[in-house]
């Protein structure tokens, strides 16, 4: 998900609202019959305005991209690239 976030809005509040609303939509329309709830936690990254067009193209082609590189593998690479700590006990 790519979004802009006003400085007065807490990221945790945005994520809570997205998870709550999307859970209700998924369950109400029975889009995924076995869906129970979203996992705990979330990941968030910032991007410069100059990099936004490239990121939009990435999101548009994400399904094809993940045929070559798995989501979890890509996430680990991003975490390591930005010198963050990867916690393998977090479920994908």
PDB file of N, CA and C in Angstrom:
ATOM      1  N   UNK A   1       0.856  -1.164   0.000  1.00  0.00           N
ATOM      2  CA  UNK A   1       0.000   0.000   0.000  1.00  0.00           C
ATOM      3  C   UNK A   1       0.901   1.226   0.000  1.00  0.00           C
ATOM      4  N   UNK A   2       0.619   2.141  -0.865  1.00  0.00           N
ATOM      5  CA  UNK A   2       1.344   3.399  -0.936  1.00  0.00           C
ATOM      6  C   UNK A   2       0.378   4.501  -0.549  1.00  0.00           C
ATOM      7  N   UNK A   3       0.759   5.317   0.403  1.00  0.00           N
ATOM      8  CA  UNK A   3      -0.117   6.384   0.852  1.00  0.00           C
ATOM      9  C   UNK A   3       0.702   7.574   1.317  1.00  0.00           C
ATOM     10  N   UNK A   4       0.064   8.708   1.393  1.00  0.00           N
ATOM     11  CA  UNK A   4       0.662   9.883   2.019  1.00  0.00           C
ATOM     12  C   UNK A   4       0.038  10.009   3.395  1.00  0.00           C
ATOM     13  N   UNK A   5       0.826  10.446   4.349  1.00  0.00           N
ATOM     14  CA  UNK A   5       0.352  10.524   5.718  1.00  0.00           C
ATOM     15  C   UNK A   5       0.626  11.913   6.265  1.00  0.00           C
ATOM     16  N   UNK A   6      -0.421  12.603   6.650  1.00  0.00           N
ATOM     17  CA  UNK A   6      -0.264  13.929   7.239  1.00  0.00           C
ATOM     18  C   UNK A   6       0.454  13.796   8.572  1.00  0.00           C
ATOM     19  N   UNK A   7       1.325  14.740   8.901  1.00  0.00           N
ATOM     20  CA  UNK A   7       2.098  14.648  10.150  1.00  0.00           C
ATOM     21  C   UNK A   7       1.259  14.568  11.422  1.00  0.00           C
ATOM     22  N   UNK A   8       0.000  14.971  11.352  1.00  0.00           N
ATOM     23  CA  UNK A   8      -0.842  14.921  12.552  1.00  0.00           C
ATOM     24  C   UNK A   8      -1.492  13.555  12.760  1.00  0.00           C
ATOM     25  N   UNK A   9      -1.317  12.643  11.784  1.00  0.00           N
ATOM     26  CA  UNK A   9      -1.913  11.314  11.872  1.00  0.00           C
ATOM     27  C   UNK A   9      -0.831  10.309  12.271  1.00  0.00           C
ATOM     28  N   UNK A  10      -1.084   9.565  13.324  1.00  0.00           N
ATOM     29  CA  UNK A  10      -0.134   8.547  13.764  1.00  0.00           C
ATOM     30  C   UNK A  10      -0.221   7.333  12.836  1.00  0.00           C
ATOM     31  N   UNK A  11       0.929   6.815  12.457  1.00  0.00           N
ATOM     32  CA  UNK A  11       0.972   5.646  11.577  1.00  0.00           C
ATOM     33  C   UNK A  11       0.189   4.486  12.182  1.00  0.00           C
ATOM     34  N   UNK A  12       0.333   4.252  13.469  1.00  0.00           N
ATOM     35  CA  UNK A  12      -0.378   3.148  14.124  1.00  0.00           C
ATOM     36  C   UNK A  12      -1.891   3.310  13.992  1.00  0.00           C
ATOM     37  N   UNK A  13      -2.371   4.543  14.065  1.00  0.00           N
ATOM     38  CA  UNK A  13      -3.811   4.784  13.908  1.00  0.00           C
ATOM     39  C   UNK A  13      -4.267   4.468  12.485  1.00  0.00           C
ATOM     40  N   UNK A  14      -3.478   4.877  11.494  1.00  0.00           N
ATOM     41  CA  UNK A  14      -3.817   4.592  10.104  1.00  0.00           C
ATOM     42  C   UNK A  14      -3.873   3.082   9.871  1.00  0.00           C
ATOM     43  N   UNK A  15      -2.865   2.371  10.346  1.00  0.00           N
ATOM     44  CA  UNK A  15      -2.820   0.922  10.146  1.00  0.00           C
ATOM     45  C   UNK A  15      -4.009   0.249  10.827  1.00  0.00           C
ATOM     46  N   UNK A  16      -4.326   0.670  12.037  1.00  0.00           N
ATOM     47  CA  UNK A  16      -5.475   0.095  12.757  1.00  0.00           C
ATOM     48  C   UNK A  16      -6.755   0.289  11.954  1.00  0.00           C
ATOM     49  N   UNK A  17      -6.961   1.480  11.413  1.00  0.00           N
ATOM     50  CA  UNK A  17      -8.160   1.764  10.630  1.00  0.00           C
ATOM     51  C   UNK A  17      -8.206   0.936   9.348  1.00  0.00           C
ATOM     52  N   UNK A  18      -7.077   0.811   8.672  1.00  0.00           N
ATOM     53  CA  UNK A  18      -7.027   0.025   7.430  1.00  0.00           C
ATOM     54  C   UNK A  18      -7.321  -1.445   7.726  1.00  0.00           C
ATOM     55  N   UNK A  19      -6.690  -1.978   8.767  1.00  0.00           N
ATOM     56  CA  UNK A  19      -6.924  -3.385   9.113  1.00  0.00           C
ATOM     57  C   UNK A  19      -8.374  -3.625   9.527  1.00  0.00           C
ATOM     58  N   UNK A  20      -8.928  -2.725  10.314  1.00  0.00           N
ATOM     59  CA  UNK A  20     -10.312  -2.880  10.773  1.00  0.00           C
ATOM     60  C   UNK A  20     -11.287  -2.834   9.602  1.00  0.00           C
ATOM     61  N   UNK A  21     -11.156  -1.816   8.759  1.00  0.00           N
ATOM     62  CA  UNK A  21     -12.078  -1.660   7.634  1.00  0.00           C
ATOM     63  C   UNK A  21     -11.919  -2.785   6.616  1.00  0.00           C
ATOM     64  N   UNK A  22     -10.680  -3.165   6.320  1.00  0.00           N
ATOM     65  CA  UNK A  22     -10.485  -4.215   5.323  1.00  0.00           C
ATOM     66  C   UNK A  22     -10.933  -5.577   5.855  1.00  0.00           C
ATOM     67  N   UNK A  23     -10.750  -5.822   7.145  1.00  0.00           N
ATOM     68  CA  UNK A  23     -11.239  -7.078   7.738  1.00  0.00           C
ATOM     69  C   UNK A  23     -12.755  -7.177   7.598  1.00  0.00           C
ATOM     70  N   UNK A  24     -13.439  -6.085   7.910  1.00  0.00           N
ATOM     71  CA  UNK A  24     -14.900  -6.075   7.800  1.00  0.00           C
ATOM     72  C   UNK A  24     -15.333  -6.294   6.350  1.00  0.00           C
ATOM     73  N   UNK A  25     -14.637  -5.674   5.410  1.00  0.00           N
ATOM     74  CA  UNK A  25     -14.972  -5.819   3.988  1.00  0.00           C
ATOM     75  C   UNK A  25     -14.734  -7.255   3.521  1.00  0.00           C
ATOM     76  N   UNK A  26     -13.582  -7.814   3.880  1.00  0.00           N
ATOM     77  CA  UNK A  26     -13.239  -9.181   3.469  1.00  0.00           C
ATOM     78  C   UNK A  26     -14.248 -10.180   4.036  1.00  0.00           C
ATOM     79  N   UNK A  27     -14.561 -10.049   5.307  1.00  0.00           N
ATOM     80  CA  UNK A  27     -15.497 -10.978   5.947  1.00  0.00           C
ATOM     81  C   UNK A  27     -16.919 -10.777   5.437  1.00  0.00           C
ATOM     82  N   UNK A  28     -17.325  -9.519   5.258  1.00  0.00           N
ATOM     83  CA  UNK A  28     -18.678  -9.224   4.794  1.00  0.00           C
ATOM     84  C   UNK A  28     -18.951  -9.727   3.400  1.00  0.00           C
ATOM     85  N   UNK A  29     -17.952  -9.672   2.542  1.00  0.00           N
ATOM     86  CA  UNK A  29     -18.117 -10.116   1.156  1.00  0.00           C
ATOM     87  C   UNK A  29     -17.603 -11.540   0.938  1.00  0.00           C
ATOM     88  N   UNK A  30     -17.060 -12.129   2.005  1.00  0.00           N
ATOM     89  CA  UNK A  30     -16.521 -13.499   1.936  1.00  0.00           C
ATOM     90  C   UNK A  30     -15.519 -13.648   0.791  1.00  0.00           C
ATOM     91  N   UNK A  31     -14.662 -12.638   0.660  1.00  0.00           N
ATOM     92  CA  UNK A  31     -13.653 -12.620  -0.401  1.00  0.00           C
ATOM     93  C   UNK A  31     -12.656 -13.762  -0.217  1.00  0.00           C
ATOM     94  N   UNK A  32     -12.220 -13.969   1.016  1.00  0.00           N
ATOM     95  CA  UNK A  32     -11.317 -15.070   1.364  1.00  0.00           C
ATOM     96  C   UNK A  32     -12.013 -15.876   2.456  1.00  0.00           C
ATOM     97  N   UNK A  33     -12.604 -17.010   2.110  1.00  0.00           N
ATOM     98  CA  UNK A  33     -13.438 -17.762   3.059  1.00  0.00           C
ATOM     99  C   UNK A  33     -12.747 -18.133   4.369  1.00  0.00           C
ATOM    100  N   UNK A  34     -11.436 -18.334   4.347  1.00  0.00           N
ATOM    101  CA  UNK A  34     -10.740 -18.774   5.554  1.00  0.00           C
ATOM    102  C   UNK A  34     -10.054 -17.627   6.304  1.00  0.00           C
ATOM    103  N   UNK A  35     -10.278 -16.390   5.855  1.00  0.00           N
ATOM    104  CA  UNK A  35      -9.669 -15.236   6.516  1.00  0.00           C
ATOM    105  C   UNK A  35     -10.283 -15.056   7.902  1.00  0.00           C
ATOM    106  N   UNK A  36      -9.421 -14.946   8.912  1.00  0.00           N
ATOM    107  CA  UNK A  36      -9.891 -14.698  10.273  1.00  0.00           C
ATOM    108  C   UNK A  36      -9.523 -13.301  10.740  1.00  0.00           C
ATOM    109  N   UNK A  37      -8.263 -12.923  10.531  1.00  0.00           N
ATOM    110  CA  UNK A  37      -7.800 -11.600  10.974  1.00  0.00           C
ATOM    111  C   UNK A  37      -6.414 -11.342  10.388  1.00  0.00           C
ATOM    112  N   UNK A  38      -6.002 -10.085  10.437  1.00  0.00           N
ATOM    113  CA  UNK A  38      -4.658  -9.722  10.018  1.00  0.00           C
ATOM    114  C   UNK A  38      -3.676 -10.128  11.101  1.00  0.00           C
ATOM    115  N   UNK A  39      -2.446 -10.371  10.700  1.00  0.00           N
ATOM    116  CA  UNK A  39      -1.405 -10.692  11.676  1.00  0.00           C
ATOM    117  C   UNK A  39      -1.098  -9.474  12.530  1.00  0.00           C
ATOM    118  N   UNK A  40      -0.445  -9.695  13.646  1.00  0.00           N
ATOM    119  CA  UNK A  40      -0.004  -8.590  14.488  1.00  0.00           C
ATOM    120  C   UNK A  40       1.103  -7.831  13.782  1.00  0.00           C
ATOM    121  N   UNK A  41       1.173  -6.554  14.052  1.00  0.00           N
ATOM    122  CA  UNK A  41       2.271  -5.748  13.554  1.00  0.00           C
ATOM    123  C   UNK A  41       2.110  -5.317  12.110  1.00  0.00           C
ATOM    124  N   UNK A  42       3.111  -4.579  11.636  1.00  0.00           N
ATOM    125  CA  UNK A  42       3.134  -4.074  10.266  1.00  0.00           C
ATOM    126  C   UNK A  42       4.524  -3.534   9.989  1.00  0.00           C
ATOM    127  N   UNK A  43       4.810  -3.308   8.741  1.00  0.00           N
ATOM    128  CA  UNK A  43       6.062  -2.683   8.335  1.00  0.00           C
ATOM    129  C   UNK A  43       5.742  -1.420   7.567  1.00  0.00           C
ATOM    130  N   UNK A  44       6.579  -0.421   7.703  1.00  0.00           N
ATOM    131  CA  UNK A  44       6.363   0.831   6.985  1.00  0.00           C
ATOM    132  C   UNK A  44       7.710   1.419   6.584  1.00  0.00           C
ATOM    133  N   UNK A  45       7.761   1.943   5.389  1.00  0.00           N
ATOM    134  CA  UNK A  45       8.972   2.572   4.885  1.00  0.00           C
ATOM    135  C   UNK A  45       8.599   3.925   4.295  1.00  0.00           C
ATOM    136  N   UNK A  46       9.515   4.848   4.341  1.00  0.00           N
ATOM    137  CA  UNK A  46       9.294   6.150   3.719  1.00  0.00           C
ATOM    138  C   UNK A  46       9.996   6.171   2.365  1.00  0.00           C
ATOM    139  N   UNK A  47       9.521   7.054   1.515  1.00  0.00           N
ATOM    140  CA  UNK A  47      10.117   7.202   0.189  1.00  0.00           C
ATOM    141  C   UNK A  47      10.111   8.684  -0.167  1.00  0.00           C
ATOM    142  N   UNK A  48      11.133   9.120  -0.858  1.00  0.00           N
ATOM    143  CA  UNK A  48      11.210  10.521  -1.253  1.00  0.00           C
ATOM    144  C   UNK A  48      10.208  10.809  -2.370  1.00  0.00           C
ATOM    145  N   UNK A  49       9.860  12.065  -2.521  1.00  0.00           N
ATOM    146  CA  UNK A  49       8.936  12.462  -3.586  1.00  0.00           C
ATOM    147  C   UNK A  49       9.509  12.098  -4.956  1.00  0.00           C
ATOM    148  N   UNK A  50      10.817  12.202  -5.115  1.00  0.00           N
ATOM    149  CA  UNK A  50      11.457  11.884  -6.400  1.00  0.00           C
ATOM    150  C   UNK A  50      11.348  10.396  -6.739  1.00  0.00           C
ATOM    151  N   UNK A  51      11.298   9.532  -5.719  1.00  0.00           N
ATOM    152  CA  UNK A  51      11.216   8.090  -5.949  1.00  0.00           C
ATOM    153  C   UNK A  51       9.788   7.577  -6.070  1.00  0.00           C
ATOM    154  N   UNK A  52       8.825   8.430  -5.833  1.00  0.00           N
ATOM    155  CA  UNK A  52       7.427   8.000  -5.828  1.00  0.00           C
ATOM    156  C   UNK A  52       6.957   7.398  -7.161  1.00  0.00           C
ATOM    157  N   UNK A  53       7.244   8.019  -8.321  1.00  0.00           N
ATOM    158  CA  UNK A  53       6.783   7.420  -9.585  1.00  0.00           C
ATOM    159  C   UNK A  53       7.305   5.993  -9.790  1.00  0.00           C
ATOM    160  N   UNK A  54       8.556   5.744  -9.454  1.00  0.00           N
ATOM    161  CA  UNK A  54       9.115   4.400  -9.581  1.00  0.00           C
ATOM    162  C   UNK A  54       8.428   3.420  -8.646  1.00  0.00           C
ATOM    163  N   UNK A  55       8.094   3.872  -7.463  1.00  0.00           N
ATOM    164  CA  UNK A  55       7.409   3.010  -6.499  1.00  0.00           C
ATOM    165  C   UNK A  55       5.990   2.696  -6.971  1.00  0.00           C
ATOM    166  N   UNK A  56       5.331   3.662  -7.555  1.00  0.00           N
ATOM    167  CA  UNK A  56       3.986   3.431  -8.091  1.00  0.00           C
ATOM    168  C   UNK A  56       4.042   2.346  -9.165  1.00  0.00           C
ATOM    169  N   UNK A  57       5.038   2.404 -10.051  1.00  0.00           N
ATOM    170  CA  UNK A  57       5.186   1.369 -11.080  1.00  0.00           C
ATOM    171  C   UNK A  57       5.478   0.016 -10.443  1.00  0.00           C
ATOM    172  N   UNK A  58       6.284  -0.001  -9.394  1.00  0.00           N
ATOM    173  CA  UNK A  58       6.574  -1.252  -8.686  1.00  0.00           C
ATOM    174  C   UNK A  58       5.282  -1.862  -8.137  1.00  0.00           C
ATOM    175  N   UNK A  59       4.455  -1.040  -7.505  1.00  0.00           N
ATOM    176  CA  UNK A  59       3.203  -1.536  -6.918  1.00  0.00           C
ATOM    177  C   UNK A  59       2.292  -2.085  -8.016  1.00  0.00           C
ATOM    178  N   UNK A  60       2.221  -1.387  -9.136  1.00  0.00           N
ATOM    179  CA  UNK A  60       1.385  -1.860 -10.251  1.00  0.00           C
ATOM    180  C   UNK A  60       1.828  -3.233 -10.743  1.00  0.00           C
ATOM    181  N   UNK A  61       3.117  -3.510 -10.701  1.00  0.00           N
ATOM    182  CA  UNK A  61       3.665  -4.763 -11.231  1.00  0.00           C
ATOM    183  C   UNK A  61       4.091  -5.728 -10.128  1.00  0.00           C
ATOM    184  N   UNK A  62       3.590  -5.528  -8.934  1.00  0.00           N
ATOM    185  CA  UNK A  62       4.038  -6.301  -7.787  1.00  0.00           C
ATOM    186  C   UNK A  62       3.754  -7.799  -7.937  1.00  0.00           C
ATOM    187  N   UNK A  63       2.615  -8.149  -8.485  1.00  0.00           N
ATOM    188  CA  UNK A  63       2.275  -9.557  -8.623  1.00  0.00           C
ATOM    189  C   UNK A  63       3.307 -10.278  -9.502  1.00  0.00           C
ATOM    190  N   UNK A  64       3.637  -9.699 -10.633  1.00  0.00           N
ATOM    191  CA  UNK A  64       4.636 -10.301 -11.523  1.00  0.00           C
ATOM    192  C   UNK A  64       6.010 -10.307 -10.861  1.00  0.00           C
ATOM    193  N   UNK A  65       6.332  -9.239 -10.156  1.00  0.00           N
ATOM    194  CA  UNK A  65       7.628  -9.155  -9.475  1.00  0.00           C
ATOM    195  C   UNK A  65       7.770 -10.281  -8.458  1.00  0.00           C
ATOM    196  N   UNK A  66       6.710 -10.561  -7.709  1.00  0.00           N
ATOM    197  CA  UNK A  66       6.782 -11.586  -6.675  1.00  0.00           C
ATOM    198  C   UNK A  66       6.759 -13.007  -7.229  1.00  0.00           C
ATOM    199  N   UNK A  67       6.560 -13.151  -8.527  1.00  0.00           N
ATOM    200  CA  UNK A  67       6.748 -14.467  -9.146  1.00  0.00           C
ATOM    201  C   UNK A  67       8.237 -14.797  -9.217  1.00  0.00           C
ATOM    202  N   UNK A  68       9.071 -13.757  -9.305  1.00  0.00           N
ATOM    203  CA  UNK A  68      10.527 -13.935  -9.389  1.00  0.00           C
ATOM    204  C   UNK A  68      11.179 -13.887  -8.008  1.00  0.00           C
ATOM    205  N   UNK A  69      10.729 -12.974  -7.171  1.00  0.00           N
ATOM    206  CA  UNK A  69      11.288 -12.794  -5.834  1.00  0.00           C
ATOM    207  C   UNK A  69      10.144 -12.833  -4.837  1.00  0.00           C
ATOM    208  N   UNK A  70      10.221 -13.732  -3.881  1.00  0.00           N
ATOM    209  CA  UNK A  70       9.155 -13.864  -2.898  1.00  0.00           C
ATOM    210  C   UNK A  70       9.059 -12.650  -1.990  1.00  0.00           C
ATOM    211  N   UNK A  71       7.866 -12.418  -1.467  1.00  0.00           N
ATOM    212  CA  UNK A  71       7.632 -11.281  -0.588  1.00  0.00           C
ATOM    213  C   UNK A  71       8.562 -11.293   0.619  1.00  0.00           C
ATOM    214  N   UNK A  72       8.647 -12.431   1.286  1.00  0.00           N
ATOM    215  CA  UNK A  72       9.447 -12.518   2.503  1.00  0.00           C
ATOM    216  C   UNK A  72      10.920 -12.271   2.207  1.00  0.00           C
ATOM    217  N   UNK A  73      11.409 -12.843   1.114  1.00  0.00           N
ATOM    218  CA  UNK A  73      12.802 -12.630   0.705  1.00  0.00           C
ATOM    219  C   UNK A  73      13.063 -11.142   0.436  1.00  0.00           C
ATOM    220  N   UNK A  74      12.142 -10.515  -0.268  1.00  0.00           N
ATOM    221  CA  UNK A  74      12.301  -9.099  -0.586  1.00  0.00           C
ATOM    222  C   UNK A  74      12.260  -8.240   0.676  1.00  0.00           C
ATOM    223  N   UNK A  75      11.371  -8.564   1.589  1.00  0.00           N
ATOM    224  CA  UNK A  75      11.271  -7.811   2.841  1.00  0.00           C
ATOM    225  C   UNK A  75      12.566  -7.932   3.644  1.00  0.00           C
ATOM    226  N   UNK A  76      13.100  -9.145   3.740  1.00  0.00           N
ATOM    227  CA  UNK A  76      14.368  -9.339   4.445  1.00  0.00           C
ATOM    228  C   UNK A  76      15.476  -8.510   3.807  1.00  0.00           C
ATOM    229  N   UNK A  77      15.535  -8.493   2.492  1.00  0.00           N
ATOM    230  CA  UNK A  77      16.551  -7.713   1.782  1.00  0.00           C
ATOM    231  C   UNK A  77      16.417  -6.225   2.091  1.00  0.00           C
ATOM    232  N   UNK A  78      15.180  -5.712   2.116  1.00  0.00           N
ATOM    233  CA  UNK A  78      14.968  -4.293   2.419  1.00  0.00           C
ATOM    234  C   UNK A  78      15.401  -3.969   3.847  1.00  0.00           C
ATOM    235  N   UNK A  79      15.055  -4.847   4.777  1.00  0.00           N
ATOM    236  CA  UNK A  79      15.421  -4.633   6.172  1.00  0.00           C
ATOM    237  C   UNK A  79      16.943  -4.588   6.307  1.00  0.00           C
ATOM    238  N   UNK A  80      17.622  -5.545   5.712  1.00  0.00           N
ATOM    239  CA  UNK A  80      19.080  -5.599   5.798  1.00  0.00           C
ATOM    240  C   UNK A  80      19.738  -4.431   5.066  1.00  0.00           C
ATOM    241  N   UNK A  81      19.190  -4.061   3.919  1.00  0.00           N
ATOM    242  CA  UNK A  81      19.746  -2.943   3.139  1.00  0.00           C
ATOM    243  C   UNK A  81      19.736  -1.654   3.952  1.00  0.00           C
ATOM    244  N   UNK A  82      18.704  -1.479   4.757  1.00  0.00           N
ATOM    245  CA  UNK A  82      18.583  -0.255   5.547  1.00  0.00           C
ATOM    246  C   UNK A  82      19.121  -0.421   6.965  1.00  0.00           C
ATOM    247  N   UNK A  83      19.895  -1.496   7.151  1.00  0.00           N
ATOM    248  CA  UNK A  83      20.597  -1.773   8.399  1.00  0.00           C
ATOM    249  C   UNK A  83      19.656  -1.832   9.601  1.00  0.00           C
ATOM    250  N   UNK A  84      18.502  -2.458   9.388  1.00  0.00           N
ATOM    251  CA  UNK A  84      17.556  -2.692  10.465  1.00  0.00           C
ATOM    252  C   UNK A  84      17.736  -4.123  10.956  1.00  0.00           C
ATOM    253  N   UNK A  85      17.077  -4.452  12.026  1.00  0.00           N
ATOM    254  CA  UNK A  85      17.198  -5.788  12.598  1.00  0.00           C
ATOM    255  C   UNK A  85      16.060  -6.662  12.099  1.00  0.00           C
ATOM    256  N   UNK A  86      16.409  -7.767  11.443  1.00  0.00           N
ATOM    257  CA  UNK A  86      15.409  -8.731  10.991  1.00  0.00           C
ATOM    258  C   UNK A  86      15.089  -9.658  12.147  1.00  0.00           C
ATOM    259  N   UNK A  87      13.800  -9.800  12.452  1.00  0.00           N
ATOM    260  CA  UNK A  87      13.367 -10.676  13.530  1.00  0.00           C
ATOM    261  C   UNK A  87      12.601 -11.841  12.909  1.00  0.00           C
ATOM    262  N   UNK A  88      13.279 -12.988  12.735  1.00  0.00           N
ATOM    263  CA  UNK A  88      12.654 -14.111  12.038  1.00  0.00           C
ATOM    264  C   UNK A  88      11.466 -14.711  12.786  1.00  0.00           C
ATOM    265  N   UNK A  89      11.283 -14.364  14.060  1.00  0.00           N
ATOM    266  CA  UNK A  89      10.144 -14.906  14.792  1.00  0.00           C
ATOM    267  C   UNK A  89       8.845 -14.207  14.426  1.00  0.00           C
ATOM    268  N   UNK A  90       8.910 -13.094  13.666  1.00  0.00           N
ATOM    269  CA  UNK A  90       7.697 -12.446  13.201  1.00  0.00           C
ATOM    270  C   UNK A  90       7.119 -13.272  12.060  1.00  0.00           C
ATOM    271  N   UNK A  91       5.841 -13.609  12.117  1.00  0.00           N
ATOM    272  CA  UNK A  91       5.268 -14.403  11.024  1.00  0.00           C
ATOM    273  C   UNK A  91       5.139 -13.559   9.751  1.00  0.00           C
ATOM    274  N   UNK A  92       5.322 -14.191   8.582  1.00  0.00           N
ATOM    275  CA  UNK A  92       5.177 -13.438   7.315  1.00  0.00           C
ATOM    276  C   UNK A  92       3.733 -13.083   7.034  1.00  0.00           C
TER     277      UNK A  92
END
